[in-house]
PDB file of N, CA and C in Angstrom:
ATOM      1  N   MET A   1      19.388  51.675  29.082  1.00  0.00           N
ATOM      2  CA  MET A   1      20.471  50.801  28.709  1.00  0.00           C
ATOM      3  C   MET A   1      20.829  51.053  27.246  1.00  0.00           C
ATOM      4  N   LYS A   2      22.082  51.280  27.021  1.00  0.00           N
ATOM      5  CA  LYS A   2      22.550  51.540  25.669  1.00  0.00           C
ATOM      6  C   LYS A   2      23.240  50.293  25.141  1.00  0.00           C
ATOM      7  N   LEU A   3      22.860  49.881  23.903  1.00  0.00           N
ATOM      8  CA  LEU A   3      23.435  48.694  23.293  1.00  0.00           C
ATOM      9  C   LEU A   3      24.552  49.082  22.338  1.00  0.00           C
ATOM     10  N   THR A   4      25.562  48.242  22.308  1.00  0.00           N
ATOM     11  CA  THR A   4      26.629  48.460  21.340  1.00  0.00           C
ATOM     12  C   THR A   4      26.170  47.920  19.981  1.00  0.00           C
ATOM     13  N   ASN A   5      26.871  48.308  18.939  1.00  0.00           N
ATOM     14  CA  ASN A   5      26.546  47.803  17.609  1.00  0.00           C
ATOM     15  C   ASN A   5      26.651  46.284  17.550  1.00  0.00           C
ATOM     16  N   LYS A   6      27.643  45.727  18.203  1.00  0.00           N
ATOM     17  CA  LYS A   6      27.836  44.277  18.219  1.00  0.00           C
ATOM     18  C   LYS A   6      26.646  43.582  18.894  1.00  0.00           C
ATOM     19  N   GLN A   7      26.199  44.118  20.017  1.00  0.00           N
ATOM     20  CA  GLN A   7      25.050  43.541  20.717  1.00  0.00           C
ATOM     21  C   GLN A   7      23.778  43.647  19.868  1.00  0.00           C
ATOM     22  N   LEU A   8      23.605  44.776  19.227  1.00  0.00           N
ATOM     23  CA  LEU A   8      22.437  44.984  18.378  1.00  0.00           C
ATOM     24  C   LEU A   8      22.438  44.029  17.181  1.00  0.00           C
ATOM     25  N   ARG A   9      23.596  43.839  16.560  1.00  0.00           N
ATOM     26  CA  ARG A   9      23.699  42.887  15.441  1.00  0.00           C
ATOM     27  C   ARG A   9      23.377  41.468  15.909  1.00  0.00           C
ATOM     28  N   GLN A  10      23.829  41.112  17.091  1.00  0.00           N
ATOM     29  CA  GLN A  10      23.568  39.770  17.622  1.00  0.00           C
ATOM     30  C   GLN A  10      22.070  39.566  17.876  1.00  0.00           C
ATOM     31  N   ILE A  11      21.414  40.565  18.413  1.00  0.00           N
ATOM     32  CA  ILE A  11      19.969  40.479  18.669  1.00  0.00           C
ATOM     33  C   ILE A  11      19.210  40.336  17.352  1.00  0.00           C
ATOM     34  N   ILE A  12      19.572  41.131  16.371  1.00  0.00           N
ATOM     35  CA  ILE A  12      18.911  41.064  15.060  1.00  0.00           C
ATOM     36  C   ILE A  12      19.137  39.688  14.424  1.00  0.00           C
ATOM     37  N   LYS A  13      20.360  39.182  14.513  1.00  0.00           N
ATOM     38  CA  LYS A  13      20.680  37.872  13.952  1.00  0.00           C
ATOM     39  C   LYS A  13      19.823  36.786  14.608  1.00  0.00           C
ATOM     40  N   GLU A  14      19.730  36.809  15.921  1.00  0.00           N
ATOM     41  CA  GLU A  14      18.943  35.804  16.640  1.00  0.00           C
ATOM     42  C   GLU A  14      17.458  35.889  16.294  1.00  0.00           C
ATOM     43  N   GLU A  15      16.942  37.097  16.170  1.00  0.00           N
ATOM     44  CA  GLU A  15      15.527  37.271  15.818  1.00  0.00           C
ATOM     45  C   GLU A  15      15.244  36.784  14.400  1.00  0.00           C
ATOM     46  N   LEU A  16      16.148  37.061  13.464  1.00  0.00           N
ATOM     47  CA  LEU A  16      15.979  36.591  12.093  1.00  0.00           C
ATOM     48  C   LEU A  16      16.042  35.068  12.015  1.00  0.00           C
ATOM     49  N   GLU A  17      16.979  34.468  12.732  1.00  0.00           N
ATOM     50  CA  GLU A  17      17.072  33.004  12.750  1.00  0.00           C
ATOM     51  C   GLU A  17      15.795  32.395  13.318  1.00  0.00           C
ATOM     52  N   TYR A  18      15.265  32.987  14.365  1.00  0.00           N
ATOM     53  CA  TYR A  18      14.024  32.492  14.969  1.00  0.00           C
ATOM     54  C   TYR A  18      12.850  32.606  13.999  1.00  0.00           C
ATOM     55  N   ALA A  19      12.753  33.747  13.335  1.00  0.00           N
ATOM     56  CA  ALA A  19      11.657  33.961  12.378  1.00  0.00           C
ATOM     57  C   ALA A  19      11.758  32.985  11.208  1.00  0.00           C
ATOM     58  N   LEU A  20      12.965  32.758  10.694  1.00  0.00           N
ATOM     59  CA  LEU A  20      13.143  31.815   9.597  1.00  0.00           C
ATOM     60  C   LEU A  20      12.833  30.389  10.029  1.00  0.00           C
ATOM     61  N   GLN A  21      13.218  30.024  11.237  1.00  0.00           N
ATOM     62  CA  GLN A  21      12.923  28.681  11.760  1.00  0.00           C
ATOM     63  C   GLN A  21      11.418  28.491  11.896  1.00  0.00           C
ATOM     64  N   GLU A  22      10.722  29.500  12.391  1.00  0.00           N
ATOM     65  CA  GLU A  22       9.260  29.415  12.527  1.00  0.00           C
ATOM     66  C   GLU A  22       8.598  29.247  11.167  1.00  0.00           C
ATOM     67  N   GLN A  23       9.079  29.968  10.161  1.00  0.00           N
ATOM     68  CA  GLN A  23       8.514  29.865   8.822  1.00  0.00           C
ATOM     69  C   GLN A  23       8.812  28.505   8.219  1.00  0.00           C
ATOM     70  N   MET A  24       9.994  27.964   8.480  1.00  0.00           N
ATOM     71  CA  MET A  24      10.404  26.700   7.892  1.00  0.00           C
ATOM     72  C   MET A  24       9.555  25.538   8.404  1.00  0.00           C
ATOM     73  N   ILE A  25       9.063  25.613   9.614  1.00  0.00           N
ATOM     74  CA  ILE A  25       8.313  24.487  10.162  1.00  0.00           C
ATOM     75  C   ILE A  25       6.823  24.794  10.253  1.00  0.00           C
ATOM     76  N   SER A  26       6.299  25.434   9.219  1.00  0.00           N
ATOM     77  CA  SER A  26       4.859  25.645   9.151  1.00  0.00           C
ATOM     78  C   SER A  26       4.392  25.254   7.754  1.00  0.00           C
ATOM     79  N   GLY A  27       3.118  24.929   7.642  1.00  0.00           N
ATOM     80  CA  GLY A  27       2.570  24.564   6.347  1.00  0.00           C
ATOM     81  C   GLY A  27       1.414  23.593   6.480  1.00  0.00           C
ATOM     82  N   TYR A  28       1.279  22.715   5.495  1.00  0.00           N
ATOM     83  CA  TYR A  28       0.172  21.756   5.500  1.00  0.00           C
ATOM     84  C   TYR A  28       0.556  20.489   4.751  1.00  0.00           C
ATOM     85  N   ILE A  29      -0.186  19.425   5.055  1.00  0.00           N
ATOM     86  CA  ILE A  29      -0.132  18.177   4.307  1.00  0.00           C
ATOM     87  C   ILE A  29      -1.589  17.802   4.052  1.00  0.00           C
ATOM     88  N   ASP A  30      -1.986  17.746   2.795  1.00  0.00           N
ATOM     89  CA  ASP A  30      -3.352  17.383   2.408  1.00  0.00           C
ATOM     90  C   ASP A  30      -3.336  16.009   1.764  1.00  0.00           C
ATOM     91  N   ILE A  31      -4.176  15.114   2.275  1.00  0.00           N
ATOM     92  CA  ILE A  31      -4.271  13.758   1.744  1.00  0.00           C
ATOM     93  C   ILE A  31      -5.713  13.492   1.353  1.00  0.00           C
ATOM     94  N   THR A  32      -5.908  13.084   0.112  1.00  0.00           N
ATOM     95  CA  THR A  32      -7.225  12.668  -0.356  1.00  0.00           C
ATOM     96  C   THR A  32      -7.113  11.194  -0.717  1.00  0.00           C
ATOM     97  N   THR A  33      -7.916  10.360  -0.073  1.00  0.00           N
ATOM     98  CA  THR A  33      -7.856   8.927  -0.333  1.00  0.00           C
ATOM     99  C   THR A  33      -9.147   8.446  -0.956  1.00  0.00           C
ATOM    100  N   GLU A  34      -9.003   7.437  -1.793  1.00  0.00           N
ATOM    101  CA  GLU A  34     -10.149   6.775  -2.404  1.00  0.00           C
ATOM    102  C   GLU A  34      -9.888   5.281  -2.276  1.00  0.00           C
ATOM    103  N   GLY A  35     -10.475   4.666  -1.264  1.00  0.00           N
ATOM    104  CA  GLY A  35     -10.200   3.258  -0.998  1.00  0.00           C
ATOM    105  C   GLY A  35      -8.862   3.097  -0.309  1.00  0.00           C
ATOM    106  N   ALA A  36      -8.428   1.852  -0.174  1.00  0.00           N
ATOM    107  CA  ALA A  36      -7.199   1.563   0.563  1.00  0.00           C
ATOM    108  C   ALA A  36      -5.935   1.798  -0.255  1.00  0.00           C
ATOM    109  N   SER A  37      -6.038   1.737  -1.583  1.00  0.00           N
ATOM    110  CA  SER A  37      -4.828   1.788  -2.395  1.00  0.00           C
ATOM    111  C   SER A  37      -4.661   3.067  -3.214  1.00  0.00           C
ATOM    112  N   MET A  38      -5.624   3.957  -3.182  1.00  0.00           N
ATOM    113  CA  MET A  38      -5.541   5.190  -3.969  1.00  0.00           C
ATOM    114  C   MET A  38      -5.429   6.392  -3.037  1.00  0.00           C
ATOM    115  N   ALA A  39      -4.420   7.206  -3.263  1.00  0.00           N
ATOM    116  CA  ALA A  39      -4.262   8.421  -2.468  1.00  0.00           C
ATOM    117  C   ALA A  39      -3.537   9.476  -3.286  1.00  0.00           C
ATOM    118  N   ASN A  40      -3.846  10.721  -2.997  1.00  0.00           N
ATOM    119  CA  ASN A  40      -3.147  11.853  -3.587  1.00  0.00           C
ATOM    120  C   ASN A  40      -2.724  12.748  -2.427  1.00  0.00           C
ATOM    121  N   THR A  41      -1.454  13.055  -2.354  1.00  0.00           N
ATOM    122  CA  THR A  41      -0.920  13.855  -1.254  1.00  0.00           C
ATOM    123  C   THR A  41      -0.247  15.100  -1.815  1.00  0.00           C
ATOM    124  N   SER A  42      -0.613  16.248  -1.263  1.00  0.00           N
ATOM    125  CA  SER A  42       0.073  17.495  -1.600  1.00  0.00           C
ATOM    126  C   SER A  42       0.540  18.128  -0.293  1.00  0.00           C
ATOM    127  N   TYR A  43       1.626  18.889  -0.371  1.00  0.00           N
ATOM    128  CA  TYR A  43       2.184  19.475   0.846  1.00  0.00           C
ATOM    129  C   TYR A  43       2.892  20.787   0.541  1.00  0.00           C
ATOM    130  N   ARG A  44       2.965  21.599   1.570  1.00  0.00           N
ATOM    131  CA  ARG A  44       3.806  22.785   1.593  1.00  0.00           C
ATOM    132  C   ARG A  44       4.333  22.884   3.010  1.00  0.00           C
ATOM    133  N   ILE A  45       5.619  22.696   3.149  1.00  0.00           N
ATOM    134  CA  ILE A  45       6.269  22.818   4.448  1.00  0.00           C
ATOM    135  C   ILE A  45       7.446  23.759   4.251  1.00  0.00           C
ATOM    136  N   GLY A  46       7.333  24.926   4.845  1.00  0.00           N
ATOM    137  CA  GLY A  46       8.350  25.946   4.611  1.00  0.00           C
ATOM    138  C   GLY A  46       8.410  26.277   3.132  1.00  0.00           C
ATOM    139  N   SER A  47       9.578  26.160   2.538  1.00  0.00           N
ATOM    140  CA  SER A  47       9.739  26.460   1.115  1.00  0.00           C
ATOM    141  C   SER A  47       9.540  25.228   0.228  1.00  0.00           C
ATOM    142  N   ALA A  48       9.333  24.074   0.840  1.00  0.00           N
ATOM    143  CA  ALA A  48       9.168  22.829   0.078  1.00  0.00           C
ATOM    144  C   ALA A  48       7.701  22.608  -0.274  1.00  0.00           C
ATOM    145  N   THR A  49       7.441  22.382  -1.558  1.00  0.00           N
ATOM    146  CA  THR A  49       6.087  22.054  -2.000  1.00  0.00           C
ATOM    147  C   THR A  49       6.165  20.867  -2.939  1.00  0.00           C
ATOM    148  N   GLY A  50       5.092  20.106  -2.967  1.00  0.00           N
ATOM    149  CA  GLY A  50       5.079  18.969  -3.866  1.00  0.00           C
ATOM    150  C   GLY A  50       3.759  18.239  -3.830  1.00  0.00           C
ATOM    151  N   GLU A  51       3.681  17.237  -4.688  1.00  0.00           N
ATOM    152  CA  GLU A  51       2.479  16.435  -4.793  1.00  0.00           C
ATOM    153  C   GLU A  51       2.891  15.062  -5.302  1.00  0.00           C
ATOM    154  N   PHE A  52       2.263  14.015  -4.795  1.00  0.00           N
ATOM    155  CA  PHE A  52       2.526  12.676  -5.293  1.00  0.00           C
ATOM    156  C   PHE A  52       1.289  11.819  -5.111  1.00  0.00           C
ATOM    157  N   GLY A  53       1.207  10.764  -5.897  1.00  0.00           N
ATOM    158  CA  GLY A  53       0.072   9.858  -5.836  1.00  0.00           C
ATOM    159  C   GLY A  53       0.483   8.519  -5.271  1.00  0.00           C
ATOM    160  N   GLY A  54      -0.507   7.703  -4.992  1.00  0.00           N
ATOM    161  CA  GLY A  54      -0.245   6.378  -4.440  1.00  0.00           C
ATOM    162  C   GLY A  54      -0.099   6.420  -2.936  1.00  0.00           C
ATOM    163  N   VAL A  55      -0.122   5.252  -2.346  1.00  0.00           N
ATOM    164  CA  VAL A  55       0.043   5.154  -0.893  1.00  0.00           C
ATOM    165  C   VAL A  55       1.509   4.847  -0.622  1.00  0.00           C
ATOM    166  N   GLN A  56       2.191   5.794  -0.006  1.00  0.00           N
ATOM    167  CA  GLN A  56       3.604   5.663   0.321  1.00  0.00           C
ATOM    168  C   GLN A  56       3.772   5.802   1.825  1.00  0.00           C
ATOM    169  N   ALA A  57       4.980   5.572   2.299  1.00  0.00           N
ATOM    170  CA  ALA A  57       5.259   5.696   3.727  1.00  0.00           C
ATOM    171  C   ALA A  57       4.927   7.100   4.227  1.00  0.00           C
ATOM    172  N   LEU A  58       5.158   8.116   3.385  1.00  0.00           N
ATOM    173  CA  LEU A  58       4.837   9.498   3.771  1.00  0.00           C
ATOM    174  C   LEU A  58       3.347   9.645   4.052  1.00  0.00           C
ATOM    175  N   THR A  59       2.526   9.113   3.157  1.00  0.00           N
ATOM    176  CA  THR A  59       1.069   9.198   3.303  1.00  0.00           C
ATOM    177  C   THR A  59       0.597   8.389   4.497  1.00  0.00           C
ATOM    178  N   ILE A  60       1.113   7.172   4.617  1.00  0.00           N
ATOM    179  CA  ILE A  60       0.706   6.279   5.710  1.00  0.00           C
ATOM    180  C   ILE A  60       1.046   6.905   7.063  1.00  0.00           C
ATOM    181  N   SER A  61       2.232   7.485   7.183  1.00  0.00           N
ATOM    182  CA  SER A  61       2.633   8.066   8.468  1.00  0.00           C
ATOM    183  C   SER A  61       1.773   9.281   8.828  1.00  0.00           C
ATOM    184  N   ALA A  62       1.455  10.121   7.830  1.00  0.00           N
ATOM    185  CA  ALA A  62       0.626  11.307   8.097  1.00  0.00           C
ATOM    186  C   ALA A  62      -0.800  10.896   8.459  1.00  0.00           C
ATOM    187  N   ARG A  63      -1.353   9.912   7.722  1.00  0.00           N
ATOM    188  CA  ARG A  63      -2.703   9.428   8.053  1.00  0.00           C
ATOM    189  C   ARG A  63      -2.726   8.790   9.431  1.00  0.00           C
ATOM    190  N   GLY A  64      -1.691   8.033   9.754  1.00  0.00           N
ATOM    191  CA  GLY A  64      -1.603   7.402  11.075  1.00  0.00           C
ATOM    192  C   GLY A  64      -1.583   8.417  12.198  1.00  0.00           C
ATOM    193  N   PHE A  65      -0.802   9.492  12.007  1.00  0.00           N
ATOM    194  CA  PHE A  65      -0.756  10.529  13.043  1.00  0.00           C
ATOM    195  C   PHE A  65      -2.083  11.270  13.141  1.00  0.00           C
ATOM    196  N   ALA A  66      -2.726  11.517  11.999  1.00  0.00           N
ATOM    197  CA  ALA A  66      -4.009  12.229  12.015  1.00  0.00           C
ATOM    198  C   ALA A  66      -5.069  11.434  12.777  1.00  0.00           C
ATOM    199  N   LYS A  67      -5.026  10.103  12.670  1.00  0.00           N
ATOM    200  CA  LYS A  67      -6.014   9.260  13.355  1.00  0.00           C
ATOM    201  C   LYS A  67      -5.665   9.020  14.818  1.00  0.00           C
ATOM    202  N   ASN A  68      -4.383   8.850  15.100  1.00  0.00           N
ATOM    203  CA  ASN A  68      -3.942   8.521  16.456  1.00  0.00           C
ATOM    204  C   ASN A  68      -2.758   9.406  16.802  1.00  0.00           C
ATOM    205  N   ARG A  69      -3.015  10.499  17.463  1.00  0.00           N
ATOM    206  CA  ARG A  69      -1.984  11.505  17.725  1.00  0.00           C
ATOM    207  C   ARG A  69      -1.077  11.107  18.894  1.00  0.00           C
ATOM    208  N   SER A  70      -0.558   9.893  18.841  1.00  0.00           N
ATOM    209  CA  SER A  70       0.306   9.396  19.909  1.00  0.00           C
ATOM    210  C   SER A  70       1.748   9.854  19.688  1.00  0.00           C
ATOM    211  N   PRO A  71       2.551   9.845  20.745  1.00  0.00           N
ATOM    212  CA  PRO A  71       3.969  10.208  20.602  1.00  0.00           C
ATOM    213  C   PRO A  71       4.713   9.300  19.619  1.00  0.00           C
ATOM    214  N   GLU A  72       4.347   8.022  19.599  1.00  0.00           N
ATOM    215  CA  GLU A  72       5.002   7.086  18.681  1.00  0.00           C
ATOM    216  C   GLU A  72       4.687   7.433  17.229  1.00  0.00           C
ATOM    217  N   GLN A  73       3.411   7.760  16.955  1.00  0.00           N
ATOM    218  CA  GLN A  73       3.017   8.147  15.601  1.00  0.00           C
ATOM    219  C   GLN A  73       3.704   9.451  15.189  1.00  0.00           C
ATOM    220  N   ALA A  74       3.808  10.388  16.120  1.00  0.00           N
ATOM    221  CA  ALA A  74       4.470  11.665  15.826  1.00  0.00           C
ATOM    222  C   ALA A  74       5.939  11.449  15.486  1.00  0.00           C
ATOM    223  N   GLU A  75       6.611  10.605  16.255  1.00  0.00           N
ATOM    224  CA  GLU A  75       8.028  10.339  16.003  1.00  0.00           C
ATOM    225  C   GLU A  75       8.225   9.615  14.672  1.00  0.00           C
ATOM    226  N   ASN A  76       7.367   8.631  14.387  1.00  0.00           N
ATOM    227  CA  ASN A  76       7.443   7.905  13.122  1.00  0.00           C
ATOM    228  C   ASN A  76       7.265   8.864  11.940  1.00  0.00           C
ATOM    229  N   MET A  77       6.238   9.693  12.026  1.00  0.00           N
ATOM    230  CA  MET A  77       5.974  10.648  10.946  1.00  0.00           C
ATOM    231  C   MET A  77       7.131  11.632  10.792  1.00  0.00           C
ATOM    232  N   ALA A  78       7.627  12.135  11.898  1.00  0.00           N
ATOM    233  CA  ALA A  78       8.730  13.110  11.845  1.00  0.00           C
ATOM    234  C   ALA A  78       9.971  12.505  11.199  1.00  0.00           C
ATOM    235  N   ASN A  79      10.307  11.277  11.553  1.00  0.00           N
ATOM    236  CA  ASN A  79      11.485  10.635  10.960  1.00  0.00           C
ATOM    237  C   ASN A  79      11.338  10.488   9.449  1.00  0.00           C
ATOM    238  N   ILE A  80      10.181  10.028   9.004  1.00  0.00           N
ATOM    239  CA  ILE A  80       9.957   9.805   7.578  1.00  0.00           C
ATOM    240  C   ILE A  80       9.949  11.129   6.816  1.00  0.00           C
ATOM    241  N   TRP A  81       9.197  12.117   7.312  1.00  0.00           N
ATOM    242  CA  TRP A  81       9.050  13.385   6.582  1.00  0.00           C
ATOM    243  C   TRP A  81      10.326  14.224   6.622  1.00  0.00           C
ATOM    244  N   THR A  82      11.042  14.268   7.737  1.00  0.00           N
ATOM    245  CA  THR A  82      12.272  15.078   7.772  1.00  0.00           C
ATOM    246  C   THR A  82      13.330  14.499   6.840  1.00  0.00           C
ATOM    247  N   ASN A  83      13.416  13.172   6.762  1.00  0.00           N
ATOM    248  CA  ASN A  83      14.357  12.550   5.811  1.00  0.00           C
ATOM    249  C   ASN A  83      13.966  12.881   4.375  1.00  0.00           C
ATOM    250  N   TYR A  84      12.681  12.777   4.076  1.00  0.00           N
ATOM    251  CA  TYR A  84      12.200  13.071   2.728  1.00  0.00           C
ATOM    252  C   TYR A  84      12.467  14.542   2.360  1.00  0.00           C
ATOM    253  N   LEU A  85      12.122  15.458   3.255  1.00  0.00           N
ATOM    254  CA  LEU A  85      12.308  16.884   2.973  1.00  0.00           C
ATOM    255  C   LEU A  85      13.791  17.229   2.801  1.00  0.00           C
ATOM    256  N   ALA A  86      14.657  16.600   3.569  1.00  0.00           N
ATOM    257  CA  ALA A  86      16.093  16.846   3.438  1.00  0.00           C
ATOM    258  C   ALA A  86      16.609  16.298   2.109  1.00  0.00           C
ATOM    259  N   ASN A  87      16.209  15.076   1.759  1.00  0.00           N
ATOM    260  CA  ASN A  87      16.699  14.461   0.515  1.00  0.00           C
ATOM    261  C   ASN A  87      16.104  15.105  -0.727  1.00  0.00           C
ATOM    262  N   GLU A  88      14.820  15.391  -0.699  1.00  0.00           N
ATOM    263  CA  GLU A  88      14.116  15.874  -1.883  1.00  0.00           C
ATOM    264  C   GLU A  88      14.249  17.388  -2.081  1.00  0.00           C
ATOM    265  N   HIS A  89      14.277  18.140  -0.982  1.00  0.00           N
ATOM    266  CA  HIS A  89      14.243  19.607  -1.091  1.00  0.00           C
ATOM    267  C   HIS A  89      15.427  20.307  -0.414  1.00  0.00           C
ATOM    268  N   GLY A  90      16.281  19.561   0.266  1.00  0.00           N
ATOM    269  CA  GLY A  90      17.399  20.175   0.979  1.00  0.00           C
ATOM    270  C   GLY A  90      16.973  20.954   2.210  1.00  0.00           C
ATOM    271  N   LEU A  91      15.773  20.679   2.714  1.00  0.00           N
ATOM    272  CA  LEU A  91      15.227  21.396   3.868  1.00  0.00           C
ATOM    273  C   LEU A  91      15.615  20.641   5.139  1.00  0.00           C
ATOM    274  N   LYS A  92      16.397  21.266   5.971  1.00  0.00           N
ATOM    275  CA  LYS A  92      16.886  20.631   7.192  1.00  0.00           C
ATOM    276  C   LYS A  92      16.021  21.047   8.377  1.00  0.00           C
ATOM    277  N   ILE A  93      15.204  20.107   8.851  1.00  0.00           N
ATOM    278  CA  ILE A  93      14.369  20.328  10.028  1.00  0.00           C
ATOM    279  C   ILE A  93      14.651  19.179  10.986  1.00  0.00           C
ATOM    280  N   SER A  94      14.894  19.485  12.247  1.00  0.00           N
ATOM    281  CA  SER A  94      15.129  18.415  13.210  1.00  0.00           C
ATOM    282  C   SER A  94      13.817  17.674  13.478  1.00  0.00           C
ATOM    283  N   THR A  95      13.942  16.405  13.837  1.00  0.00           N
ATOM    284  CA  THR A  95      12.731  15.628  14.133  1.00  0.00           C
ATOM    285  C   THR A  95      11.986  16.223  15.320  1.00  0.00           C
ATOM    286  N   GLU A  96      12.702  16.762  16.286  1.00  0.00           N
ATOM    287  CA  GLU A  96      12.055  17.364  17.454  1.00  0.00           C
ATOM    288  C   GLU A  96      11.224  18.580  17.058  1.00  0.00           C
ATOM    289  N   ASP A  97      11.778  19.423  16.185  1.00  0.00           N
ATOM    290  CA  ASP A  97      11.033  20.599  15.720  1.00  0.00           C
ATOM    291  C   ASP A  97       9.820  20.189  14.895  1.00  0.00           C
ATOM    292  N   PHE A  98       9.976  19.145  14.077  1.00  0.00           N
ATOM    293  CA  PHE A  98       8.856  18.670  13.264  1.00  0.00           C
ATOM    294  C   PHE A  98       7.748  18.115  14.164  1.00  0.00           C
ATOM    295  N   ILE A  99       8.126  17.357  15.182  1.00  0.00           N
ATOM    296  CA  ILE A  99       7.144  16.808  16.127  1.00  0.00           C
ATOM    297  C   ILE A  99       6.369  17.941  16.796  1.00  0.00           C
ATOM    298  N   GLU A 100       7.068  18.959  17.261  1.00  0.00           N
ATOM    299  CA  GLU A 100       6.398  20.099  17.880  1.00  0.00           C
ATOM    300  C   GLU A 100       5.459  20.794  16.896  1.00  0.00           C
ATOM    301  N   ALA A 101       5.887  20.919  15.646  1.00  0.00           N
ATOM    302  CA  ALA A 101       5.073  21.604  14.636  1.00  0.00           C
ATOM    303  C   ALA A 101       3.786  20.842  14.344  1.00  0.00           C
ATOM    304  N   ILE A 102       3.841  19.508  14.275  1.00  0.00           N
ATOM    305  CA  ILE A 102       2.607  18.763  13.998  1.00  0.00           C
ATOM    306  C   ILE A 102       1.724  18.673  15.233  1.00  0.00           C
ATOM    307  N   LYS A 103       2.335  18.605  16.404  1.00  0.00           N
ATOM    308  CA  LYS A 103       1.528  18.580  17.634  1.00  0.00           C
ATOM    309  C   LYS A 103       0.793  19.897  17.844  1.00  0.00           C
ATOM    310  N   ARG A 104       1.459  21.009  17.543  1.00  0.00           N
ATOM    311  CA  ARG A 104       0.847  22.331  17.721  1.00  0.00           C
ATOM    312  C   ARG A 104       0.075  22.793  16.484  1.00  0.00           C
ATOM    313  N   GLU A 105       0.016  21.914  15.486  1.00  0.00           N
ATOM    314  CA  GLU A 105      -0.700  22.153  14.231  1.00  0.00           C
ATOM    315  C   GLU A 105      -0.153  23.348  13.450  1.00  0.00           C
ATOM    316  N   LYS A 106       1.146  23.614  13.594  1.00  0.00           N
ATOM    317  CA  LYS A 106       1.803  24.581  12.720  1.00  0.00           C
ATOM    318  C   LYS A 106       1.929  23.978  11.326  1.00  0.00           C
ATOM    319  N   ILE A 107       2.013  22.644  11.296  1.00  0.00           N
ATOM    320  CA  ILE A 107       1.889  21.895  10.056  1.00  0.00           C
ATOM    321  C   ILE A 107       0.552  21.181  10.160  1.00  0.00           C
ATOM    322  N   ALA A 108      -0.430  21.670   9.421  1.00  0.00           N
ATOM    323  CA  ALA A 108      -1.779  21.102   9.473  1.00  0.00           C
ATOM    324  C   ALA A 108      -1.833  19.835   8.623  1.00  0.00           C
ATOM    325  N   ILE A 109      -2.502  18.818   9.128  1.00  0.00           N
ATOM    326  CA  ILE A 109      -2.671  17.566   8.397  1.00  0.00           C
ATOM    327  C   ILE A 109      -4.153  17.390   8.125  1.00  0.00           C
ATOM    328  N   ASN A 110      -4.506  17.401   6.851  1.00  0.00           N
ATOM    329  CA  ASN A 110      -5.895  17.268   6.438  1.00  0.00           C
ATOM    330  C   ASN A 110      -6.059  15.962   5.664  1.00  0.00           C
ATOM    331  N   VAL A 111      -6.968  15.114   6.134  1.00  0.00           N
ATOM    332  CA  VAL A 111      -7.235  13.840   5.462  1.00  0.00           C
ATOM    333  C   VAL A 111      -8.693  13.833   5.037  1.00  0.00           C
ATOM    334  N   GLN A 112      -8.906  13.608   3.748  1.00  0.00           N
ATOM    335  CA  GLN A 112     -10.263  13.551   3.211  1.00  0.00           C
ATOM    336  C   GLN A 112     -10.438  12.204   2.528  1.00  0.00           C
ATOM    337  N   GLU A 113     -11.459  11.465   2.939  1.00  0.00           N
ATOM    338  CA  GLU A 113     -11.750  10.167   2.340  1.00  0.00           C
ATOM    339  C   GLU A 113     -12.897  10.333   1.353  1.00  0.00           C
ATOM    340  N   VAL A 114     -12.672   9.920   0.112  1.00  0.00           N
ATOM    341  CA  VAL A 114     -13.669  10.023  -0.939  1.00  0.00           C
ATOM    342  C   VAL A 114     -14.188   8.623  -1.237  1.00  0.00           C
ATOM    343  N   LYS A 115     -15.483   8.475  -1.261  1.00  0.00           N
ATOM    344  CA  LYS A 115     -16.099   7.191  -1.581  1.00  0.00           C
ATOM    345  C   LYS A 115     -16.247   7.076  -3.090  1.00  0.00           C
ATOM    346  N   LYS A 116     -15.955   5.879  -3.621  1.00  0.00           N
ATOM    347  CA  LYS A 116     -16.145   5.637  -5.055  1.00  0.00           C
ATOM    348  C   LYS A 116     -17.631   5.596  -5.364  1.00  0.00           C
ATOM    349  N   ASN A 117     -17.984   6.142  -6.511  1.00  0.00           N
ATOM    350  CA  ASN A 117     -19.348   6.093  -6.983  1.00  0.00           C
ATOM    351  C   ASN A 117     -19.450   4.930  -7.965  1.00  0.00           C
ATOM    352  N   ARG A 118     -19.985   3.810  -7.508  1.00  0.00           N
ATOM    353  CA  ARG A 118     -20.066   2.618  -8.362  1.00  0.00           C
ATOM    354  C   ARG A 118     -21.000   2.829  -9.540  1.00  0.00           C
ATOM    355  N   ASP A 119     -22.001   3.660  -9.395  1.00  0.00           N
ATOM    356  CA  ASP A 119     -22.957   3.901 -10.490  1.00  0.00           C
ATOM    357  C   ASP A 119     -22.275   4.538 -11.699  1.00  0.00           C
ATOM    358  N   ALA A 120     -21.195   5.248 -11.481  1.00  0.00           N
ATOM    359  CA  ALA A 120     -20.515   5.929 -12.570  1.00  0.00           C
ATOM    360  C   ALA A 120     -19.894   4.924 -13.547  1.00  0.00           C
ATOM    361  N   TYR A 121     -19.654   3.706 -13.093  1.00  0.00           N
ATOM    362  CA  TYR A 121     -19.025   2.701 -13.947  1.00  0.00           C
ATOM    363  C   TYR A 121     -20.028   1.771 -14.620  1.00  0.00           C
ATOM    364  N   MET A 122     -21.292   1.942 -14.334  1.00  0.00           N
ATOM    365  CA  MET A 122     -22.317   1.069 -14.915  1.00  0.00           C
ATOM    366  C   MET A 122     -22.785   1.649 -16.253  1.00  0.00           C
ATOM    367  N   TYR A 123     -23.052   0.762 -17.213  1.00  0.00           N
ATOM    368  CA  TYR A 123     -23.500   1.198 -18.534  1.00  0.00           C
ATOM    369  C   TYR A 123     -24.951   0.905 -18.736  1.00  0.00           C
TER     370      TYR A 123
END
């Protein structure tokens, strides 16, 4: 089978779009918590990277999904994170694609709980 230049360009275009979409919806979210009110979150999703402190809706939704991988938690997390990524980084990811990425662990969610050392504060 011989392909025309137009057909070949279309195939290349579709493959590039697919590869870019796959890259855009991969990465990680790392959460380190210390008690109920202290958290540090860093992330890399596609080309978006960042870090923030405190317990925010972004952190709560990711921790919730990590503990209870229910469809409701996935949808909640996807809505919050896709809005944030679009507003903060201009990264347009559909909620459906984000849900698939976290379910298939293309976006890894790591939660580490650190216990306070009370002895460190004693004199």
